[in-house]
Protein backbone atom coordinates (compact mmCIF):
# COMPACT_ATOMS: atom_id res chain seq x y z
CA UNK A 1 0.00 0.00 0.00
CA UNK A 2 1.38 3.40 -1.00
CA UNK A 3 1.81 5.82 1.89
CA UNK A 4 1.79 9.59 1.57
CA UNK A 5 3.27 12.43 3.62
CA UNK A 6 1.26 15.62 3.80
CA UNK A 7 3.70 18.35 2.80
CA UNK A 8 3.54 21.71 1.07
CA UNK A 9 6.25 24.02 -0.22
CA UNK A 10 6.30 26.94 -2.64
CA UNK A 11 8.82 25.39 -5.02
CA UNK A 12 9.79 21.75 -4.99
CA UNK A 13 9.53 18.45 -6.87
CA UNK A 14 9.35 14.76 -6.00
CA UNK A 15 10.57 11.88 -8.13
CA UNK A 16 7.99 9.15 -8.65
CA UNK A 17 9.92 5.84 -8.36
CA UNK A 18 7.36 4.05 -10.56
CA UNK A 19 7.60 6.44 -13.51
CA UNK A 20 10.57 8.74 -12.80
CA UNK A 21 8.37 11.71 -13.60
CA UNK A 22 8.85 14.77 -11.39
CA UNK A 23 5.54 16.36 -10.36
CA UNK A 24 5.61 19.56 -8.36
CA UNK A 25 4.95 19.20 -4.66
CA UNK A 26 1.45 20.48 -3.92
CA UNK A 27 -0.14 18.87 -0.89
CA UNK A 28 1.60 15.53 -0.40
CA UNK A 29 4.63 13.43 -1.30
CA UNK A 30 4.89 9.67 -1.61
CA UNK A 31 6.80 8.13 1.29
CA UNK A 32 10.20 6.90 0.11
CA UNK A 33 10.40 9.33 -2.81
CA UNK A 34 13.40 11.57 -3.40
CA UNK A 35 12.61 15.28 -3.30
CA UNK A 36 14.51 18.34 -4.44
CA UNK A 37 13.45 21.68 -3.04
CA UNK A 38 14.21 25.12 -4.47
CA UNK A 39 14.77 28.46 -2.78
CA UNK A 40 16.29 31.84 -3.58
CA UNK A 41 19.25 33.19 -1.65
CA UNK A 42 20.54 36.76 -1.78
CA UNK A 43 24.31 37.19 -1.88
CA UNK A 44 26.24 40.00 -0.20
CA UNK A 45 26.46 41.88 -3.51
CA UNK A 46 22.67 41.77 -3.94
CA UNK A 47 22.59 39.04 -6.56
CA UNK A 48 20.07 36.25 -6.13
CA UNK A 49 20.89 32.60 -6.70
CA UNK A 50 18.73 29.48 -6.66
CA UNK A 51 19.66 26.97 -3.96
CA UNK A 52 18.58 23.32 -4.14
CA UNK A 53 18.28 21.02 -1.14
CA UNK A 54 17.66 17.28 -1.31
CA UNK A 55 15.97 14.67 0.80
CA UNK A 56 13.70 11.65 1.06
CA UNK A 57 10.10 11.70 2.22
CA UNK A 58 9.45 9.72 5.39
CA UNK A 59 6.28 9.05 7.36
CA UNK A 60 6.98 11.95 9.73
CA UNK A 61 8.65 14.46 7.40
CA UNK A 62 11.39 15.13 4.87
CA UNK A 63 14.81 13.78 5.85
CA UNK A 64 17.42 16.13 4.38
CA UNK A 65 20.30 14.34 2.65
CA UNK A 66 23.26 15.28 0.49
CA UNK A 67 22.96 15.04 -3.28
CA UNK A 68 25.32 12.05 -3.19
CA UNK A 69 23.09 10.30 -0.65
CA UNK A 70 19.87 10.80 -2.62
CA UNK A 71 21.69 9.65 -5.76
CA UNK A 72 22.31 6.32 -3.99
CA UNK A 73 18.59 6.08 -3.17
CA UNK A 74 17.78 6.83 -6.82
CA UNK A 75 20.24 4.17 -7.99
CA UNK A 76 18.27 1.47 -6.16
CA UNK A 77 14.94 2.81 -7.47
CA UNK A 78 16.22 3.12 -11.03
CA UNK A 79 17.51 -0.46 -10.92
CA UNK A 80 14.07 -1.65 -9.77
CA UNK A 81 12.46 0.30 -12.63
CA UNK A 82 14.86 -1.25 -15.17
CA UNK A 83 14.24 -4.79 -13.96
CA UNK A 84 10.49 -4.32 -13.93
CA UNK A 85 10.10 -2.50 -17.25
CA UNK A 86 13.11 -3.82 -19.20
CA UNK A 87 13.96 -0.29 -20.33
CA UNK A 88 15.71 2.89 -19.23
CA UNK A 89 13.73 5.39 -17.15
CA UNK A 90 12.92 8.67 -18.89
CA UNK A 91 15.73 11.23 -19.19
CA UNK A 92 18.38 8.66 -18.26
CA UNK A 93 21.46 7.75 -20.27
CA UNK A 94 24.85 6.09 -19.84
CA UNK A 95 27.53 8.55 -18.82
CA UNK A 96 30.79 6.69 -18.11
CA UNK A 97 32.09 3.17 -17.51
CA UNK A 98 35.06 2.24 -15.34
CA UNK A 99 37.71 -0.48 -15.32
CA UNK A 100 36.27 -1.92 -12.10
CA UNK A 101 32.98 -2.61 -13.89
CA UNK A 102 31.02 0.29 -12.41
CA UNK A 103 28.91 2.43 -14.74
CA UNK A 104 27.67 5.96 -14.14
CA UNK A 105 24.31 7.00 -15.55
CA UNK A 106 23.04 10.55 -15.95
CA UNK A 107 19.47 11.13 -14.81
CA UNK A 108 18.32 14.68 -15.60
CA UNK A 109 14.70 15.19 -14.54
CA UNK A 110 14.83 18.88 -15.57
CA UNK A 111 17.09 21.07 -17.67
CA UNK A 112 18.66 22.41 -14.47
CA UNK A 113 18.86 19.31 -12.28
CA UNK A 114 20.85 16.14 -12.83
CA UNK A 115 21.98 13.18 -10.77
CA UNK A 116 24.93 10.84 -11.29
CA UNK A 117 23.71 7.29 -10.73
CA UNK A 118 26.38 4.70 -9.97
CA UNK A 119 25.60 1.07 -10.80
CA UNK A 120 27.98 -1.68 -9.70
CA UNK A 121 28.33 -5.35 -10.71
CA UNK A 122 27.22 -6.32 -7.19
CA UNK A 123 24.02 -4.29 -7.54
CA UNK A 124 23.01 -5.78 -10.91
CA UNK A 125 24.33 -9.26 -10.17
CA UNK A 126 26.73 -9.33 -13.11
CA UNK A 127 28.27 -7.19 -15.83
CA UNK A 128 26.66 -3.75 -15.71
CA UNK A 129 27.23 -2.91 -19.37
CA UNK A 130 25.70 -6.23 -20.46
CA UNK A 131 22.71 -5.55 -18.22
CA UNK A 132 22.23 -2.08 -19.71
CA UNK A 133 22.74 -3.34 -23.26
CA UNK A 134 19.71 -5.63 -22.92
CA UNK A 135 17.43 -2.71 -21.94
CA UNK A 136 15.22 -0.84 -24.37
CA UNK A 137 15.23 2.95 -24.62
CA UNK A 138 12.45 4.60 -22.66
CA UNK A 139 9.11 4.79 -24.44
CA UNK A 140 5.76 5.60 -22.93
CA UNK A 141 3.31 3.10 -24.34
CA UNK A 142 -0.25 4.21 -24.92
CA UNK A 143 -3.29 2.84 -26.70
CA UNK A 144 -3.97 3.90 -30.28
CA UNK A 145 -7.11 5.76 -29.21
CA UNK A 146 -5.24 7.87 -26.67
CA UNK A 147 -6.28 11.48 -27.29
CA UNK A 148 -5.82 13.20 -23.91
CA UNK A 149 -4.15 16.59 -24.07
CA UNK A 150 -1.54 17.40 -21.44
CA UNK A 151 -1.20 20.53 -19.30
CA UNK A 152 1.92 21.44 -17.35
CA UNK A 153 4.27 24.24 -16.39
CA UNK A 154 7.12 24.76 -18.83
CA UNK A 155 10.46 23.63 -17.37
CA UNK A 156 12.71 24.35 -20.34
CA UNK A 157 13.63 27.63 -22.00
CA UNK A 158 13.78 25.75 -25.32
CA UNK A 159 10.04 25.07 -25.51
CA UNK A 160 8.42 26.62 -28.60
CA UNK A 161 4.72 27.04 -29.38
CA UNK A 162 3.65 25.04 -32.45
CA UNK A 163 0.89 27.59 -33.14
CA UNK A 164 2.73 30.93 -33.08
CA UNK A 165 6.36 29.66 -33.18
CA UNK A 166 7.33 31.86 -30.21
CA UNK A 167 9.07 30.69 -27.04
CA UNK A 168 7.03 29.42 -24.10
CA UNK A 169 8.57 30.91 -20.98
CA UNK A 170 9.72 28.82 -18.00
CA UNK A 171 6.94 28.53 -15.43
CA UNK A 172 4.23 29.35 -17.99
CA UNK A 173 1.31 26.96 -18.45
CA UNK A 174 1.57 25.08 -21.74
CA UNK A 175 -0.81 22.68 -23.49
CA UNK A 176 0.39 19.47 -25.12
CA UNK A 177 -1.41 18.21 -28.22
CA UNK A 178 -0.95 14.40 -28.33
CA UNK A 179 0.43 12.67 -31.40
CA UNK A 180 0.72 8.90 -31.71
CA UNK A 181 3.46 7.07 -33.58
CA UNK A 182 4.11 3.34 -33.43
CA UNK A 183 2.02 2.99 -30.27
CA UNK A 184 3.76 5.78 -28.32
CA UNK A 185 2.68 9.30 -27.47
CA UNK A 186 4.54 12.59 -27.85
CA UNK A 187 3.27 16.15 -27.58
CA UNK A 188 3.20 19.27 -29.73
CA UNK A 189 3.36 22.15 -27.25
CA UNK A 190 1.31 25.36 -27.42
CA UNK A 191 0.86 28.51 -25.38
CA UNK A 192 -2.28 28.32 -23.26
CA UNK A 193 -3.77 31.31 -25.11
CA UNK A 194 -2.91 29.84 -28.51
CA UNK A 195 -4.59 26.46 -28.00
CA UNK A 196 -7.29 27.09 -25.39
CA UNK A 197 -10.01 27.07 -28.05
CA UNK A 198 -8.98 23.56 -29.13
CA UNK A 199 -9.92 22.03 -25.76
CA UNK A 200 -13.00 24.09 -24.92
CA UNK A 201 -15.22 21.00 -24.97
CA UNK A 202 -12.80 18.99 -22.81
CA UNK A 203 -13.36 18.35 -19.10
CA UNK A 204 -10.31 19.95 -17.54
CA UNK A 205 -9.81 17.22 -14.95
CA UNK A 206 -9.30 14.70 -17.78
CA UNK A 207 -6.19 16.54 -19.01
CA UNK A 208 -2.94 14.70 -18.33
CA UNK A 209 -1.06 16.58 -15.61
CA UNK A 210 -4.10 18.50 -14.36
CA UNK A 211 -3.86 17.18 -10.81
CA UNK A 212 -0.25 18.37 -10.60
CA UNK A 213 -1.32 22.02 -10.99
CA UNK A 214 -1.81 24.30 -8.01
CA UNK A 215 -5.23 25.77 -7.22
CA UNK A 216 -4.17 29.12 -8.72
CA UNK A 217 -2.89 27.44 -11.88
CA UNK A 218 -6.15 25.50 -12.26
CA UNK A 219 -8.07 28.77 -11.93
CA UNK A 220 -5.87 30.38 -14.58
CA UNK A 221 -6.53 27.44 -16.89
CA UNK A 222 -10.29 27.61 -16.25
CA UNK A 223 -10.42 31.36 -16.88
CA UNK A 224 -8.57 31.03 -20.18
CA UNK A 225 -10.74 28.15 -21.43
């Protein structure tokens, strides 16, 4: 049975160990999940920087850990995902192999956050590179009749609207128009204003990602539609 910790923060994410997606923290976090929390810090010269802290959700709260420590937690969870699904998790790739048989993976859940995941022969029960070679690349399988649009906050400065061809700013709500190829889904992204009319007849709570939005973001979406 999945357990949840009630927890709120202005700016933070948790890593779902079943999917390796990174929803924003709204009201709760799955117990056992790795979290990374963001905050702004003002330097002596007046400049602001973004500071990231890491931890794991427990039954009674967030246990703060170093990035190296949460990377070890992620290594075990990623290995479980690979064994279960016979493929890489999303946004994960081989980084470096070593003479002792260890292999480092790069897991980058966002454009600004990455984790070095160390897999050893002891962990995989054999040759790590052979184990990885037998895995498929990540693909999100869907049914051919899948037609659910997706809504989310833009995490990358490289996102471009397929309607107006202009950039979608980080933190801005974007709409994903689903396209299916060979049984897998990908999205054509649009500004909310550019594509709102295309989903006017859609129940908003059926949009992929809707439940990950904050109350204010849901209201913004509703007002635009």
